[in-house]
C-alpha atoms as a PDB file:
ATOM      1  CA  MET A   1      29.796  -0.493-134.878  1.00  0.00           C
ATOM      2  CA  LYS A   2      30.215   3.180-136.178  1.00  0.00           C
ATOM      3  CA  TYR A   3      33.379   5.252-134.798  1.00  0.00           C
ATOM      4  CA  LYS A   4      33.463   8.852-135.134  1.00  0.00           C
ATOM      5  CA  VAL A   5      36.521   9.953-136.279  1.00  0.00           C
ATOM      6  CA  GLU A   6      38.194  13.543-135.099  1.00  0.00           C
ATOM      7  CA  PHE A   7      40.917  15.395-135.835  1.00  0.00           C
ATOM      8  CA  SER A   8      42.736  16.619-132.793  1.00  0.00           C
ATOM      9  CA  GLN A   9      44.245  21.094-132.608  1.00  0.00           C
ATOM     10  CA  ILE A  10      47.467  19.674-133.994  1.00  0.00           C
ATOM     11  CA  VAL A  11      45.886  18.291-137.218  1.00  0.00           C
ATOM     12  CA  ARG A  12      43.896  20.484-138.253  1.00  0.00           C
ATOM     13  CA  ARG A  13      46.507  23.114-138.448  1.00  0.00           C
ATOM     14  CA  LYS A  14      48.546  20.530-140.273  1.00  0.00           C
ATOM     15  CA  MET A  15      45.727  20.589-142.816  1.00  0.00           C
ATOM     16  CA  LYS A  16      45.842  24.305-142.816  1.00  0.00           C
ATOM     17  CA  ASP A  17      49.365  24.506-143.705  1.00  0.00           C
ATOM     18  CA  LEU A  18      49.032  21.143-146.407  1.00  0.00           C
ATOM     19  CA  LYS A  19      46.793  23.500-147.486  1.00  0.00           C
ATOM     20  CA  LEU A  20      48.738  27.085-148.061  1.00  0.00           C
ATOM     21  CA  TYR A  21      51.775  24.966-148.979  1.00  0.00           C
ATOM     22  CA  LEU A  22      49.501  22.404-151.570  1.00  0.00           C
ATOM     23  CA  THR A  23      47.894  25.704-153.009  1.00  0.00           C
ATOM     24  CA  GLU A  24      51.624  27.725-153.402  1.00  0.00           C
ATOM     25  CA  GLN A  25      52.795  24.564-155.171  1.00  0.00           C
ATOM     26  CA  PHE A  26      49.795  23.480-157.546  1.00  0.00           C
ATOM     27  CA  GLY A  27      47.175  25.630-157.742  1.00  0.00           C
ATOM     28  CA  ALA A  28      44.267  26.093-155.629  1.00  0.00           C
ATOM     29  CA  ALA A  29      42.084  23.061-157.742  1.00  0.00           C
ATOM     30  CA  THR A  30      44.936  21.161-156.717  1.00  0.00           C
ATOM     31  CA  ALA A  31      44.964  21.960-153.068  1.00  0.00           C
ATOM     32  CA  ALA A  32      41.137  21.123-152.938  1.00  0.00           C
ATOM     33  CA  LYS A  33      41.214  17.757-154.185  1.00  0.00           C
ATOM     34  CA  SER A  34      44.000  16.535-152.237  1.00  0.00           C
ATOM     35  CA  LEU A  35      42.837  17.698-148.974  1.00  0.00           C
ATOM     36  CA  GLU A  36      39.467  16.123-149.853  1.00  0.00           C
ATOM     37  CA  LEU A  37      41.095  12.795-150.750  1.00  0.00           C
ATOM     38  CA  ILE A  38      42.628  12.918-147.636  1.00  0.00           C
ATOM     39  CA  LEU A  39      39.585  13.987-145.619  1.00  0.00           C
ATOM     40  CA  GLU A  40      37.962  10.794-147.150  1.00  0.00           C
ATOM     41  CA  ALA A  41      40.396   8.196-146.624  1.00  0.00           C
ATOM     42  CA  ALA A  42      41.096   9.178-142.550  1.00  0.00           C
ATOM     43  CA  LYS A  43      36.565   9.946-142.384  1.00  0.00           C
ATOM     44  CA  SER A  44      37.001   6.594-143.516  1.00  0.00           C
ATOM     45  CA  LEU A  45      37.928   4.606-140.239  1.00  0.00           C
ATOM     46  CA  ALA A  46      34.432   5.095-138.655  1.00  0.00           C
ATOM     47  CA  ASP A  47      33.343   1.998-140.677  1.00  0.00           C
ATOM     48  CA  PHE A  48      36.277   0.615-141.019  1.00  0.00           C
ATOM     49  CA  PRO A  49      39.050   1.190-138.062  1.00  0.00           C
ATOM     50  CA  LEU A  50      41.749  -1.385-138.130  1.00  0.00           C
ATOM     51  CA  LYS A  51      42.105  -0.353-142.287  1.00  0.00           C
ATOM     52  CA  GLY A  52      46.095   0.583-142.809  1.00  0.00           C
ATOM     53  CA  ALA A  53      48.855   0.265-141.334  1.00  0.00           C
ATOM     54  CA  SER A  54      49.109  -1.374-138.218  1.00  0.00           C
ATOM     55  CA  LEU A  55      50.172   0.832-134.597  1.00  0.00           C
ATOM     56  CA  ALA A  56      52.391  -2.044-133.565  1.00  0.00           C
ATOM     57  CA  ALA A  57      54.225  -1.963-136.897  1.00  0.00           C
ATOM     58  CA  LEU A  58      54.333   2.005-136.621  1.00  0.00           C
ATOM     59  CA  PHE A  59      56.106   2.251-133.615  1.00  0.00           C
ATOM     60  CA  ASP A  60      57.901  -0.767-133.376  1.00  0.00           C
ATOM     61  CA  ILE A  61      55.735  -2.405-129.816  1.00  0.00           C
ATOM     62  CA  SER A  62      53.663  -5.382-129.250  1.00  0.00           C
ATOM     63  CA  LEU A  63      50.935  -6.028-130.580  1.00  0.00           C
ATOM     64  CA  CYS A  64      49.596  -6.161-126.630  1.00  0.00           C
ATOM     65  CA  GLU A  65      51.441  -2.567-126.080  1.00  0.00           C
ATOM     66  CA  ALA A  66      49.656  -1.150-129.253  1.00  0.00           C
ATOM     67  CA  GLN A  67      46.129  -2.516-128.095  1.00  0.00           C
ATOM     68  CA  LEU A  68      46.555  -1.121-123.944  1.00  0.00           C
ATOM     69  CA  SER A  69      47.703   2.274-126.090  1.00  0.00           C
ATOM     70  CA  VAL A  70      43.991   2.067-127.362  1.00  0.00           C
ATOM     71  CA  LEU A  71      42.304   0.856-124.820  1.00  0.00           C
ATOM     72  CA  LEU A  72      43.659   3.871-122.380  1.00  0.00           C
ATOM     73  CA  HIS A  73      42.985   6.885-125.114  1.00  0.00           C
ATOM     74  CA  ARG A  74      39.570   5.014-125.459  1.00  0.00           C
ATOM     75  CA  ARG A  75      38.792   5.854-122.121  1.00  0.00           C
ATOM     76  CA  ARG A  76      40.530   8.801-120.755  1.00  0.00           C
ATOM     77  CA  LYS A  77      38.370  10.408-123.751  1.00  0.00           C
ATOM     78  CA  ASN A  78      35.031   8.585-122.780  1.00  0.00           C
ATOM     79  CA  HIS A  79      36.126  10.065-118.966  1.00  0.00           C
ATOM     80  CA  ASN A  80      36.410   6.505-117.579  1.00  0.00           C
ATOM     81  CA  ILE A  81      40.234   7.421-115.811  1.00  0.00           C
ATOM     82  CA  ARG A  82      41.582  10.146-114.731  1.00  0.00           C
ATOM     83  CA  ASN A  83      45.303  11.218-114.705  1.00  0.00           C
ATOM     84  CA  VAL A  84      46.327  11.470-111.484  1.00  0.00           C
END
């Protein structure tokens, strides 16, 4: 199953800020190449969603809590549950 990678407004803003910073520090070519590599890595999560660091390890929570967090996020995203 292939997933869809979506970038939040915050991520898009941070990528724009990163591009400006890298351009100022290292030039436009380096900034463009760096952002291309970051975006390729992020988009590869569509094919390999478990690639990378574990949520449980990143946030020092149990694996069950991490899985529940992902499940709830997916359900909210699909509008299967509503915030009350």
